[in-house]
Amino acid sequence: MVELTFATLSHTVNPTNPKEITITLEYGGEFTATIVWEFADGTSETTAGKTVTHVYADPGNYEVKANITLSAEDKLSCSVSKKKYIDVL
């Protein structure tokens, strides 16, 4: 059984390049996650890990979306989406 006890997105800003943002999916439960990150600037990236780094070309307010597919033992899977607003200076 796939159990998602919580899932949140957090982010950090590179202090030497404020357009470089690292976004992390934090979750509980025992499963493997595949994430399609949508950065709201016309680009996306697929990762098998919980963290992605993205450099924005322009400052602004962006709605980052993580489309998450969770699986356990290659038998069960479910999908969930999480969104986070990020201000890029």
PDB file of N, CA and C in Angstrom:
ATOM      1  N   MET A   1       0.839  -1.177   0.000  1.00  0.00           N
ATOM      2  CA  MET A   1       0.000   0.000   0.000  1.00  0.00           C
ATOM      3  C   MET A   1       0.885   1.241   0.000  1.00  0.00           C
ATOM      4  N   VAL A   2       0.596   2.206  -0.876  1.00  0.00           N
ATOM      5  CA  VAL A   2       1.313   3.471  -0.905  1.00  0.00           C
ATOM      6  C   VAL A   2       0.624   4.423   0.051  1.00  0.00           C
ATOM      7  N   GLU A   3       1.385   4.956   0.995  1.00  0.00           N
ATOM      8  CA  GLU A   3       0.807   5.874   1.967  1.00  0.00           C
ATOM      9  C   GLU A   3       1.588   7.179   1.944  1.00  0.00           C
ATOM     10  N   LEU A   4       0.896   8.269   1.662  1.00  0.00           N
ATOM     11  CA  LEU A   4       1.509   9.587   1.670  1.00  0.00           C
ATOM     12  C   LEU A   4       1.074  10.284   2.939  1.00  0.00           C
ATOM     13  N   THR A   5       1.982  10.347   3.917  1.00  0.00           N
ATOM     14  CA  THR A   5       1.612  10.953   5.190  1.00  0.00           C
ATOM     15  C   THR A   5       1.649  12.469   5.124  1.00  0.00           C
ATOM     16  N   PHE A   6       2.496  13.040   4.293  1.00  0.00           N
ATOM     17  CA  PHE A   6       2.491  14.474   4.026  1.00  0.00           C
ATOM     18  C   PHE A   6       3.346  14.733   2.795  1.00  0.00           C
ATOM     19  N   ALA A   7       3.108  15.842   2.147  1.00  0.00           N
ATOM     20  CA  ALA A   7       3.951  16.266   1.029  1.00  0.00           C
ATOM     21  C   ALA A   7       3.916  17.783   0.971  1.00  0.00           C
ATOM     22  N   THR A   8       5.082  18.396   1.035  1.00  0.00           N
ATOM     23  CA  THR A   8       5.180  19.845   0.951  1.00  0.00           C
ATOM     24  C   THR A   8       6.360  20.214   0.060  1.00  0.00           C
ATOM     25  N   LEU A   9       6.296  21.398  -0.504  1.00  0.00           N
ATOM     26  CA  LEU A   9       7.397  21.937  -1.286  1.00  0.00           C
ATOM     27  C   LEU A   9       8.053  23.061  -0.501  1.00  0.00           C
ATOM     28  N   SER A  10       9.364  23.063  -0.481  1.00  0.00           N
ATOM     29  CA  SER A  10      10.113  24.163   0.117  1.00  0.00           C
ATOM     30  C   SER A  10      11.157  24.613  -0.902  1.00  0.00           C
ATOM     31  N   HIS A  11      11.692  25.815  -0.698  1.00  0.00           N
ATOM     32  CA  HIS A  11      12.711  26.278  -1.631  1.00  0.00           C
ATOM     33  C   HIS A  11      13.755  27.130  -0.923  1.00  0.00           C
ATOM     34  N   THR A  12      14.926  27.182  -1.550  1.00  0.00           N
ATOM     35  CA  THR A  12      16.002  28.056  -1.100  1.00  0.00           C
ATOM     36  C   THR A  12      16.508  28.840  -2.306  1.00  0.00           C
ATOM     37  N   VAL A  13      17.054  30.006  -2.024  1.00  0.00           N
ATOM     38  CA  VAL A  13      17.586  30.883  -3.062  1.00  0.00           C
ATOM     39  C   VAL A  13      19.104  30.908  -2.942  1.00  0.00           C
ATOM     40  N   ASN A  14      19.789  30.786  -4.065  1.00  0.00           N
ATOM     41  CA  ASN A  14      21.243  30.884  -4.074  1.00  0.00           C
ATOM     42  C   ASN A  14      21.621  32.328  -3.732  1.00  0.00           C
ATOM     43  N   PRO A  15      22.368  32.557  -2.656  1.00  0.00           N
ATOM     44  CA  PRO A  15      22.674  33.933  -2.252  1.00  0.00           C
ATOM     45  C   PRO A  15      23.545  34.697  -3.250  1.00  0.00           C
ATOM     46  N   THR A  16      24.307  34.000  -4.083  1.00  0.00           N
ATOM     47  CA  THR A  16      25.142  34.684  -5.073  1.00  0.00           C
ATOM     48  C   THR A  16      24.457  34.832  -6.427  1.00  0.00           C
ATOM     49  N   ASN A  17      23.346  34.117  -6.639  1.00  0.00           N
ATOM     50  CA  ASN A  17      22.553  34.239  -7.868  1.00  0.00           C
ATOM     51  C   ASN A  17      21.084  34.096  -7.488  1.00  0.00           C
ATOM     52  N   PRO A  18      20.402  35.199  -7.192  1.00  0.00           N
ATOM     53  CA  PRO A  18      19.025  35.111  -6.694  1.00  0.00           C
ATOM     54  C   PRO A  18      18.019  34.551  -7.695  1.00  0.00           C
ATOM     55  N   LYS A  19      18.427  34.348  -8.949  1.00  0.00           N
ATOM     56  CA  LYS A  19      17.529  33.727  -9.930  1.00  0.00           C
ATOM     57  C   LYS A  19      17.636  32.197  -9.909  1.00  0.00           C
ATOM     58  N   GLU A  20      18.592  31.666  -9.134  1.00  0.00           N
ATOM     59  CA  GLU A  20      18.771  30.215  -9.008  1.00  0.00           C
ATOM     60  C   GLU A  20      18.043  29.734  -7.758  1.00  0.00           C
ATOM     61  N   ILE A  21      17.054  28.885  -7.983  1.00  0.00           N
ATOM     62  CA  ILE A  21      16.189  28.402  -6.916  1.00  0.00           C
ATOM     63  C   ILE A  21      16.331  26.882  -6.815  1.00  0.00           C
ATOM     64  N   THR A  22      16.493  26.376  -5.599  1.00  0.00           N
ATOM     65  CA  THR A  22      16.475  24.934  -5.359  1.00  0.00           C
ATOM     66  C   THR A  22      15.167  24.599  -4.657  1.00  0.00           C
ATOM     67  N   ILE A  23      14.417  23.669  -5.246  1.00  0.00           N
ATOM     68  CA  ILE A  23      13.104  23.288  -4.732  1.00  0.00           C
ATOM     69  C   ILE A  23      13.179  21.842  -4.262  1.00  0.00           C
ATOM     70  N   THR A  24      12.609  21.586  -3.088  1.00  0.00           N
ATOM     71  CA  THR A  24      12.650  20.251  -2.501  1.00  0.00           C
ATOM     72  C   THR A  24      11.240  19.790  -2.155  1.00  0.00           C
ATOM     73  N   LEU A  25      10.937  18.563  -2.534  1.00  0.00           N
ATOM     74  CA  LEU A  25       9.706  17.901  -2.122  1.00  0.00           C
ATOM     75  C   LEU A  25      10.011  17.149  -0.839  1.00  0.00           C
ATOM     76  N   GLU A  26       9.266  17.448   0.200  1.00  0.00           N
ATOM     77  CA  GLU A  26       9.431  16.754   1.478  1.00  0.00           C
ATOM     78  C   GLU A  26       8.202  15.892   1.695  1.00  0.00           C
ATOM     79  N   TYR A  27       8.425  14.624   2.032  1.00  0.00           N
ATOM     80  CA  TYR A  27       7.294  13.717   2.205  1.00  0.00           C
ATOM     81  C   TYR A  27       7.624  12.628   3.204  1.00  0.00           C
ATOM     82  N   GLY A  28       6.585  11.972   3.671  1.00  0.00           N
ATOM     83  CA  GLY A  28       6.726  10.821   4.542  1.00  0.00           C
ATOM     84  C   GLY A  28       6.171   9.600   3.836  1.00  0.00           C
ATOM     85  N   GLY A  29       6.516   8.455   4.311  1.00  0.00           N
ATOM     86  CA  GLY A  29       6.039   7.225   3.699  1.00  0.00           C
ATOM     87  C   GLY A  29       7.171   6.523   2.968  1.00  0.00           C
ATOM     88  N   GLU A  30       6.967   5.278   2.677  1.00  0.00           N
ATOM     89  CA  GLU A  30       7.968   4.458   2.007  1.00  0.00           C
ATOM     90  C   GLU A  30       7.548   4.237   0.563  1.00  0.00           C
ATOM     91  N   PHE A  31       8.149   4.981  -0.350  1.00  0.00           N
ATOM     92  CA  PHE A  31       7.827   4.832  -1.758  1.00  0.00           C
ATOM     93  C   PHE A  31       8.908   5.487  -2.596  1.00  0.00           C
ATOM     94  N   THR A  32       8.851   5.255  -3.880  1.00  0.00           N
ATOM     95  CA  THR A  32       9.728   5.892  -4.847  1.00  0.00           C
ATOM     96  C   THR A  32       8.934   6.983  -5.542  1.00  0.00           C
ATOM     97  N   ALA A  33       9.546   8.142  -5.735  1.00  0.00           N
ATOM     98  CA  ALA A  33       8.854   9.264  -6.369  1.00  0.00           C
ATOM     99  C   ALA A  33       9.519   9.616  -7.694  1.00  0.00           C
ATOM    100  N   THR A  34       8.702   9.811  -8.714  1.00  0.00           N
ATOM    101  CA  THR A  34       9.124  10.417  -9.970  1.00  0.00           C
ATOM    102  C   THR A  34       8.376  11.736 -10.067  1.00  0.00           C
ATOM    103  N   ILE A  35       9.096  12.824 -10.313  1.00  0.00           N
ATOM    104  CA  ILE A  35       8.493  14.146 -10.259  1.00  0.00           C
ATOM    105  C   ILE A  35       8.709  14.874 -11.580  1.00  0.00           C
ATOM    106  N   VAL A  36       7.623  15.409 -12.133  1.00  0.00           N
ATOM    107  CA  VAL A  36       7.705  16.321 -13.267  1.00  0.00           C
ATOM    108  C   VAL A  36       7.517  17.722 -12.700  1.00  0.00           C
ATOM    109  N   TRP A  37       8.577  18.507 -12.739  1.00  0.00           N
ATOM    110  CA  TRP A  37       8.564  19.873 -12.214  1.00  0.00           C
ATOM    111  C   TRP A  37       8.181  20.825 -13.342  1.00  0.00           C
ATOM    112  N   GLU A  38       7.193  21.671 -13.116  1.00  0.00           N
ATOM    113  CA  GLU A  38       6.817  22.718 -14.061  1.00  0.00           C
ATOM    114  C   GLU A  38       7.174  24.052 -13.407  1.00  0.00           C
ATOM    115  N   PHE A  39       8.031  24.833 -14.070  1.00  0.00           N
ATOM    116  CA  PHE A  39       8.587  26.034 -13.456  1.00  0.00           C
ATOM    117  C   PHE A  39       7.836  27.320 -13.801  1.00  0.00           C
ATOM    118  N   ALA A  40       6.779  27.250 -14.592  1.00  0.00           N
ATOM    119  CA  ALA A  40       5.928  28.396 -14.947  1.00  0.00           C
ATOM    120  C   ALA A  40       6.658  29.439 -15.791  1.00  0.00           C
ATOM    121  N   ASP A  41       7.758  29.034 -16.399  1.00  0.00           N
ATOM    122  CA  ASP A  41       8.453  29.926 -17.334  1.00  0.00           C
ATOM    123  C   ASP A  41       8.598  29.259 -18.700  1.00  0.00           C
ATOM    124  N   GLY A  42       7.768  28.238 -18.937  1.00  0.00           N
ATOM    125  CA  GLY A  42       7.805  27.514 -20.205  1.00  0.00           C
ATOM    126  C   GLY A  42       8.725  26.312 -20.199  1.00  0.00           C
ATOM    127  N   THR A  43       9.333  25.995 -19.053  1.00  0.00           N
ATOM    128  CA  THR A  43      10.228  24.847 -18.974  1.00  0.00           C
ATOM    129  C   THR A  43       9.751  23.862 -17.918  1.00  0.00           C
ATOM    130  N   SER A  44      10.208  22.619 -18.066  1.00  0.00           N
ATOM    131  CA  SER A  44       9.913  21.575 -17.086  1.00  0.00           C
ATOM    132  C   SER A  44      11.098  20.617 -17.034  1.00  0.00           C
ATOM    133  N   GLU A  45      11.115  19.802 -15.989  1.00  0.00           N
ATOM    134  CA  GLU A  45      12.177  18.810 -15.821  1.00  0.00           C
ATOM    135  C   GLU A  45      11.626  17.631 -15.039  1.00  0.00           C
ATOM    136  N   THR A  46      12.031  16.418 -15.425  1.00  0.00           N
ATOM    137  CA  THR A  46      11.623  15.207 -14.721  1.00  0.00           C
ATOM    138  C   THR A  46      12.801  14.696 -13.902  1.00  0.00           C
ATOM    139  N   THR A  47      12.527  14.390 -12.623  1.00  0.00           N
ATOM    140  CA  THR A  47      13.578  13.866 -11.753  1.00  0.00           C
ATOM    141  C   THR A  47      13.080  12.630 -11.009  1.00  0.00           C
ATOM    142  N   ALA A  48      14.024  11.802 -10.594  1.00  0.00           N
ATOM    143  CA  ALA A  48      13.706  10.673  -9.727  1.00  0.00           C
ATOM    144  C   ALA A  48      14.005  11.031  -8.282  1.00  0.00           C
ATOM    145  N   GLY A  49      14.655  12.159  -8.077  1.00  0.00           N
ATOM    146  CA  GLY A  49      14.987  12.606  -6.732  1.00  0.00           C
ATOM    147  C   GLY A  49      14.017  13.659  -6.242  1.00  0.00           C
ATOM    148  N   LYS A  50      14.187  14.046  -4.990  1.00  0.00           N
ATOM    149  CA  LYS A  50      13.269  14.986  -4.348  1.00  0.00           C
ATOM    150  C   LYS A  50      13.659  16.442  -4.548  1.00  0.00           C
ATOM    151  N   THR A  51      14.823  16.711  -5.141  1.00  0.00           N
ATOM    152  CA  THR A  51      15.326  18.074  -5.241  1.00  0.00           C
ATOM    153  C   THR A  51      15.674  18.418  -6.683  1.00  0.00           C
ATOM    154  N   VAL A  52      15.375  19.668  -7.056  1.00  0.00           N
ATOM    155  CA  VAL A  52      15.723  20.164  -8.383  1.00  0.00           C
ATOM    156  C   VAL A  52      16.195  21.611  -8.238  1.00  0.00           C
ATOM    157  N   THR A  53      17.141  22.010  -9.086  1.00  0.00           N
ATOM    158  CA  THR A  53      17.603  23.395  -9.122  1.00  0.00           C
ATOM    159  C   THR A  53      17.259  23.978 -10.481  1.00  0.00           C
ATOM    160  N   HIS A  54      16.722  25.205 -10.464  1.00  0.00           N
ATOM    161  CA  HIS A  54      16.306  25.863 -11.700  1.00  0.00           C
ATOM    162  C   HIS A  54      16.760  27.314 -11.671  1.00  0.00           C
ATOM    163  N   VAL A  55      17.223  27.807 -12.819  1.00  0.00           N
ATOM    164  CA  VAL A  55      17.626  29.207 -12.945  1.00  0.00           C
ATOM    165  C   VAL A  55      16.602  29.915 -13.824  1.00  0.00           C
ATOM    166  N   TYR A  56      15.977  30.936 -13.269  1.00  0.00           N
ATOM    167  CA  TYR A  56      15.009  31.741 -14.010  1.00  0.00           C
ATOM    168  C   TYR A  56      15.742  32.833 -14.780  1.00  0.00           C
ATOM    169  N   ALA A  57      15.260  33.131 -15.980  1.00  0.00           N
ATOM    170  CA  ALA A  57      15.860  34.183 -16.801  1.00  0.00           C
ATOM    171  C   ALA A  57      15.442  35.568 -16.331  1.00  0.00           C
ATOM    172  N   ASP A  58      14.213  35.668 -15.817  1.00  0.00           N
ATOM    173  CA  ASP A  58      13.661  36.969 -15.452  1.00  0.00           C
ATOM    174  C   ASP A  58      13.107  36.949 -14.035  1.00  0.00           C
ATOM    175  N   PRO A  59      13.164  38.091 -13.352  1.00  0.00           N
ATOM    176  CA  PRO A  59      12.510  38.186 -12.047  1.00  0.00           C
ATOM    177  C   PRO A  59      10.997  38.103 -12.210  1.00  0.00           C
ATOM    178  N   GLY A  60      10.317  37.733 -11.142  1.00  0.00           N
ATOM    179  CA  GLY A  60       8.856  37.662 -11.176  1.00  0.00           C
ATOM    180  C   GLY A  60       8.333  36.698 -10.141  1.00  0.00           C
ATOM    181  N   ASN A  61       7.014  36.525 -10.161  1.00  0.00           N
ATOM    182  CA  ASN A  61       6.336  35.590  -9.271  1.00  0.00           C
ATOM    183  C   ASN A  61       5.963  34.374 -10.101  1.00  0.00           C
ATOM    184  N   TYR A  62       6.412  33.202  -9.700  1.00  0.00           N
ATOM    185  CA  TYR A  62       6.199  31.971 -10.455  1.00  0.00           C
ATOM    186  C   TYR A  62       5.473  30.941  -9.600  1.00  0.00           C
ATOM    187  N   GLU A  63       4.535  30.232 -10.224  1.00  0.00           N
ATOM    188  CA  GLU A  63       3.850  29.132  -9.554  1.00  0.00           C
ATOM    189  C   GLU A  63       4.507  27.829 -10.007  1.00  0.00           C
ATOM    190  N   VAL A  64       5.329  27.260  -9.152  1.00  0.00           N
ATOM    191  CA  VAL A  64       6.003  26.000  -9.452  1.00  0.00           C
ATOM    192  C   VAL A  64       5.047  24.859  -9.124  1.00  0.00           C
ATOM    193  N   LYS A  65       4.964  23.896 -10.027  1.00  0.00           N
ATOM    194  CA  LYS A  65       4.087  22.744  -9.815  1.00  0.00           C
ATOM    195  C   LYS A  65       4.926  21.473  -9.879  1.00  0.00           C
ATOM    196  N   ALA A  66       4.706  20.590  -8.911  1.00  0.00           N
ATOM    197  CA  ALA A  66       5.354  19.280  -8.894  1.00  0.00           C
ATOM    198  C   ALA A  66       4.275  18.224  -9.106  1.00  0.00           C
ATOM    199  N   ASN A  67       4.347  17.535 -10.245  1.00  0.00           N
ATOM    200  CA  ASN A  67       3.439  16.420 -10.532  1.00  0.00           C
ATOM    201  C   ASN A  67       4.167  15.150 -10.115  1.00  0.00           C
ATOM    202  N   ILE A  68       3.698  14.543  -9.044  1.00  0.00           N
ATOM    203  CA  ILE A  68       4.423  13.470  -8.375  1.00  0.00           C
ATOM    204  C   ILE A  68       3.731  12.136  -8.620  1.00  0.00           C
ATOM    205  N   THR A  69       4.491  11.157  -9.065  1.00  0.00           N
ATOM    206  CA  THR A  69       3.993   9.790  -9.160  1.00  0.00           C
ATOM    207  C   THR A  69       4.737   8.966  -8.119  1.00  0.00           C
ATOM    208  N   LEU A  70       3.978   8.374  -7.233  1.00  0.00           N
ATOM    209  CA  LEU A  70       4.537   7.571  -6.149  1.00  0.00           C
ATOM    210  C   LEU A  70       4.327   6.101  -6.456  1.00  0.00           C
ATOM    211  N   SER A  71       5.328   5.291  -6.171  1.00  0.00           N
ATOM    212  CA  SER A  71       5.175   3.854  -6.384  1.00  0.00           C
ATOM    213  C   SER A  71       5.877   3.096  -5.269  1.00  0.00           C
ATOM    214  N   ALA A  72       5.377   1.895  -5.033  1.00  0.00           N
ATOM    215  CA  ALA A  72       5.956   1.015  -4.021  1.00  0.00           C
ATOM    216  C   ALA A  72       6.047  -0.384  -4.597  1.00  0.00           C
ATOM    217  N   GLU A  73       7.215  -0.960  -4.507  1.00  0.00           N
ATOM    218  CA  GLU A  73       7.443  -2.342  -4.936  1.00  0.00           C
ATOM    219  C   GLU A  73       7.038  -2.572  -6.384  1.00  0.00           C
ATOM    220  N   ASP A  74       7.073  -1.540  -7.225  1.00  0.00           N
ATOM    221  CA  ASP A  74       6.724  -1.635  -8.645  1.00  0.00           C
ATOM    222  C   ASP A  74       5.347  -2.236  -8.888  1.00  0.00           C
ATOM    223  N   LYS A  75       4.464  -2.198  -7.884  1.00  0.00           N
ATOM    224  CA  LYS A  75       3.138  -2.790  -8.029  1.00  0.00           C
ATOM    225  C   LYS A  75       2.036  -1.753  -7.891  1.00  0.00           C
ATOM    226  N   LEU A  76       2.220  -0.815  -6.995  1.00  0.00           N
ATOM    227  CA  LEU A  76       1.190   0.172  -6.714  1.00  0.00           C
ATOM    228  C   LEU A  76       1.703   1.552  -7.082  1.00  0.00           C
ATOM    229  N   SER A  77       0.802   2.392  -7.548  1.00  0.00           N
ATOM    230  CA  SER A  77       1.213   3.769  -7.804  1.00  0.00           C
ATOM    231  C   SER A  77       0.026   4.702  -7.629  1.00  0.00           C
ATOM    232  N   CYS A  78       0.331   5.951  -7.355  1.00  0.00           N
ATOM    233  CA  CYS A  78      -0.682   6.994  -7.291  1.00  0.00           C
ATOM    234  C   CYS A  78      -0.009   8.300  -7.667  1.00  0.00           C
ATOM    235  N   SER A  79      -0.814   9.293  -7.994  1.00  0.00           N
ATOM    236  CA  SER A  79      -0.274  10.586  -8.401  1.00  0.00           C
ATOM    237  C   SER A  79      -0.874  11.691  -7.558  1.00  0.00           C
ATOM    238  N   VAL A  80      -0.076  12.724  -7.336  1.00  0.00           N
ATOM    239  CA  VAL A  80      -0.520  13.897  -6.591  1.00  0.00           C
ATOM    240  C   VAL A  80       0.241  15.100  -7.153  1.00  0.00           C
ATOM    241  N   SER A  81      -0.375  16.268  -7.091  1.00  0.00           N
ATOM    242  CA  SER A  81       0.286  17.500  -7.526  1.00  0.00           C
ATOM    243  C   SER A  81       0.367  18.473  -6.360  1.00  0.00           C
ATOM    244  N   LYS A  82       1.473  19.174  -6.284  1.00  0.00           N
ATOM    245  CA  LYS A  82       1.674  20.216  -5.274  1.00  0.00           C
ATOM    246  C   LYS A  82       2.136  21.476  -5.983  1.00  0.00           C
ATOM    247  N   LYS A  83       1.698  22.640  -5.473  1.00  0.00           N
ATOM    248  CA  LYS A  83       2.089  23.923  -6.054  1.00  0.00           C
ATOM    249  C   LYS A  83       2.724  24.805  -4.985  1.00  0.00           C
ATOM    250  N   LYS A  84       3.621  25.683  -5.444  1.00  0.00           N
ATOM    251  CA  LYS A  84       4.260  26.644  -4.544  1.00  0.00           C
ATOM    252  C   LYS A  84       4.558  27.908  -5.338  1.00  0.00           C
ATOM    253  N   TYR A  85       4.238  29.050  -4.749  1.00  0.00           N
ATOM    254  CA  TYR A  85       4.568  30.333  -5.367  1.00  0.00           C
ATOM    255  C   TYR A  85       5.954  30.765  -4.917  1.00  0.00           C
ATOM    256  N   ILE A  86       6.756  31.210  -5.889  1.00  0.00           N
ATOM    257  CA  ILE A  86       8.125  31.627  -5.621  1.00  0.00           C
ATOM    258  C   ILE A  86       8.340  33.014  -6.219  1.00  0.00           C
ATOM    259  N   ASP A  87       8.884  33.926  -5.417  1.00  0.00           N
ATOM    260  CA  ASP A  87       9.262  35.255  -5.895  1.00  0.00           C
ATOM    261  C   ASP A  87      10.731  35.233  -6.275  1.00  0.00           C
ATOM    262  N   VAL A  88      11.017  35.549  -7.531  1.00  0.00           N
ATOM    263  CA  VAL A  88      12.391  35.597  -8.022  1.00  0.00           C
ATOM    264  C   VAL A  88      12.768  37.064  -8.188  1.00  0.00           C
ATOM    265  N   LEU A  89      13.860  37.452  -7.558  1.00  0.00           N
ATOM    266  CA  LEU A  89      14.297  38.856  -7.611  1.00  0.00           C
ATOM    267  C   LEU A  89      15.264  39.110  -8.745  1.00  0.00           C
TER     268      LEU A  89
END
